[in-house]
C-alpha cells in the first residue's frame, strides 16, 4: 500500500478511497442514521438495511438511505420491499 502520505497522493489508493467514504458518511450523517428496517430478501447472500438520515428533504422529511450488500462471489438480482421506502 505504501505510506499514508503516499497513498493520499493517489486518488485510487485504499486510504484515498476510505477518506472519500468517511467524508460522504459525515456529510450525510450516515453514522448517526436510525435503522428503520432490515427487510426479508429472496437470496440468502443479500443483506438490505433501510435507514432514516438526520438530513431532511425539501418537504422536511428524513431522507431514506439504503445499504444493499452482496455477500456472495457472484452477481445477485433482487427486489427490495419495505414499508419504510417511499
Protein backbone atom coordinates (compact mmCIF):
# COMPACT_ATOMS: atom_id res chain seq x y z
CA UNK A 1 0.00 0.00 0.00
CA UNK A 2 2.77 2.46 0.80
CA UNK A 3 2.88 5.11 3.49
CA UNK A 4 -0.23 7.13 4.30
CA UNK A 5 1.11 10.35 2.69
CA UNK A 6 1.98 8.36 -0.47
CA UNK A 7 -1.48 6.79 -0.56
CA UNK A 8 -3.24 10.12 -0.11
CA UNK A 9 -1.48 11.43 -3.22
CA UNK A 10 -3.11 8.65 -5.30
CA UNK A 11 -6.87 9.06 -5.84
CA UNK A 12 -7.42 5.33 -6.26
CA UNK A 13 -5.44 4.16 -3.23
CA UNK A 14 -7.10 2.45 -0.28
CA UNK A 15 -6.51 5.46 2.01
CA UNK A 16 -7.85 7.97 -0.52
CA UNK A 17 -10.98 5.94 -1.15
CA UNK A 18 -11.50 5.47 2.59
CA UNK A 19 -11.17 9.23 3.05
CA UNK A 20 -13.88 9.75 0.40
CA UNK A 21 -16.18 7.26 2.11
CA UNK A 22 -15.69 8.89 5.52
CA UNK A 23 -16.36 12.34 4.02
CA UNK A 24 -19.65 11.16 2.50
CA UNK A 25 -20.56 9.32 5.70
CA UNK A 26 -20.04 12.52 7.69
CA UNK A 27 -21.72 14.79 5.11
CA UNK A 28 -24.97 12.82 5.12
CA UNK A 29 -24.95 11.74 8.78
CA UNK A 30 -24.88 8.05 7.92
CA UNK A 31 -23.13 7.15 11.18
CA UNK A 32 -25.98 8.66 13.20
CA UNK A 33 -28.82 7.39 10.99
CA UNK A 34 -31.69 5.48 12.54
CA UNK A 35 -32.18 1.96 11.21
CA UNK A 36 -35.86 1.52 10.36
CA UNK A 37 -35.91 -1.84 8.57
CA UNK A 38 -33.93 -4.90 7.57
CA UNK A 39 -36.34 -6.35 5.02
CA UNK A 40 -36.50 -10.00 4.05
CA UNK A 41 -34.84 -10.76 0.71
CA UNK A 42 -35.13 -13.71 -1.65
CA UNK A 43 -31.41 -14.51 -1.83
CA UNK A 44 -29.57 -15.68 1.33
CA UNK A 45 -26.38 -13.86 0.26
CA UNK A 46 -28.10 -10.46 0.11
CA UNK A 47 -28.40 -8.02 3.01
CA UNK A 48 -30.53 -4.88 2.85
CA UNK A 49 -30.74 -2.21 5.55
CA UNK A 50 -33.01 0.84 5.45
CA UNK A 51 -32.02 3.96 7.43
CA UNK A 52 -33.51 7.39 8.03
CA UNK A 53 -30.87 10.11 7.93
CA UNK A 54 -30.97 13.19 10.12
CA UNK A 55 -30.81 15.21 6.89
CA UNK A 56 -34.24 16.35 5.72
CA UNK A 57 -35.58 16.59 2.18
CA UNK A 58 -37.41 19.57 0.60
CA UNK A 59 -40.65 18.61 2.40
CA UNK A 60 -38.91 18.38 5.78
CA UNK A 61 -38.99 14.58 5.85
CA UNK A 62 -35.97 12.41 6.72
CA UNK A 63 -34.00 11.16 3.73
CA UNK A 64 -34.16 7.37 3.39
CA UNK A 65 -30.84 5.61 2.75
CA UNK A 66 -30.42 2.01 1.60
CA UNK A 67 -27.43 -0.21 2.13
CA UNK A 68 -27.55 -3.23 -0.17
CA UNK A 69 -24.78 -5.77 0.20
CA UNK A 70 -23.99 -8.85 -1.86
CA UNK A 71 -22.16 -11.29 0.39
CA UNK A 72 -21.52 -13.78 -2.39
CA UNK A 73 -18.85 -14.02 -5.05
CA UNK A 74 -21.39 -13.84 -7.87
CA UNK A 75 -23.93 -11.33 -9.17
CA UNK A 76 -27.28 -11.30 -7.37
CA UNK A 77 -30.56 -9.84 -8.62
CA UNK A 78 -33.25 -8.95 -6.15
CA UNK A 79 -36.15 -6.70 -5.29
CA UNK A 80 -36.30 -4.61 -2.13
CA UNK A 81 -39.68 -4.14 -0.48
CA UNK A 82 -40.02 -2.15 2.72
CA UNK A 83 -42.81 -0.14 4.34
CA UNK A 84 -40.08 2.40 5.19
CA UNK A 85 -39.48 3.19 1.49
CA UNK A 86 -41.49 5.97 -0.12
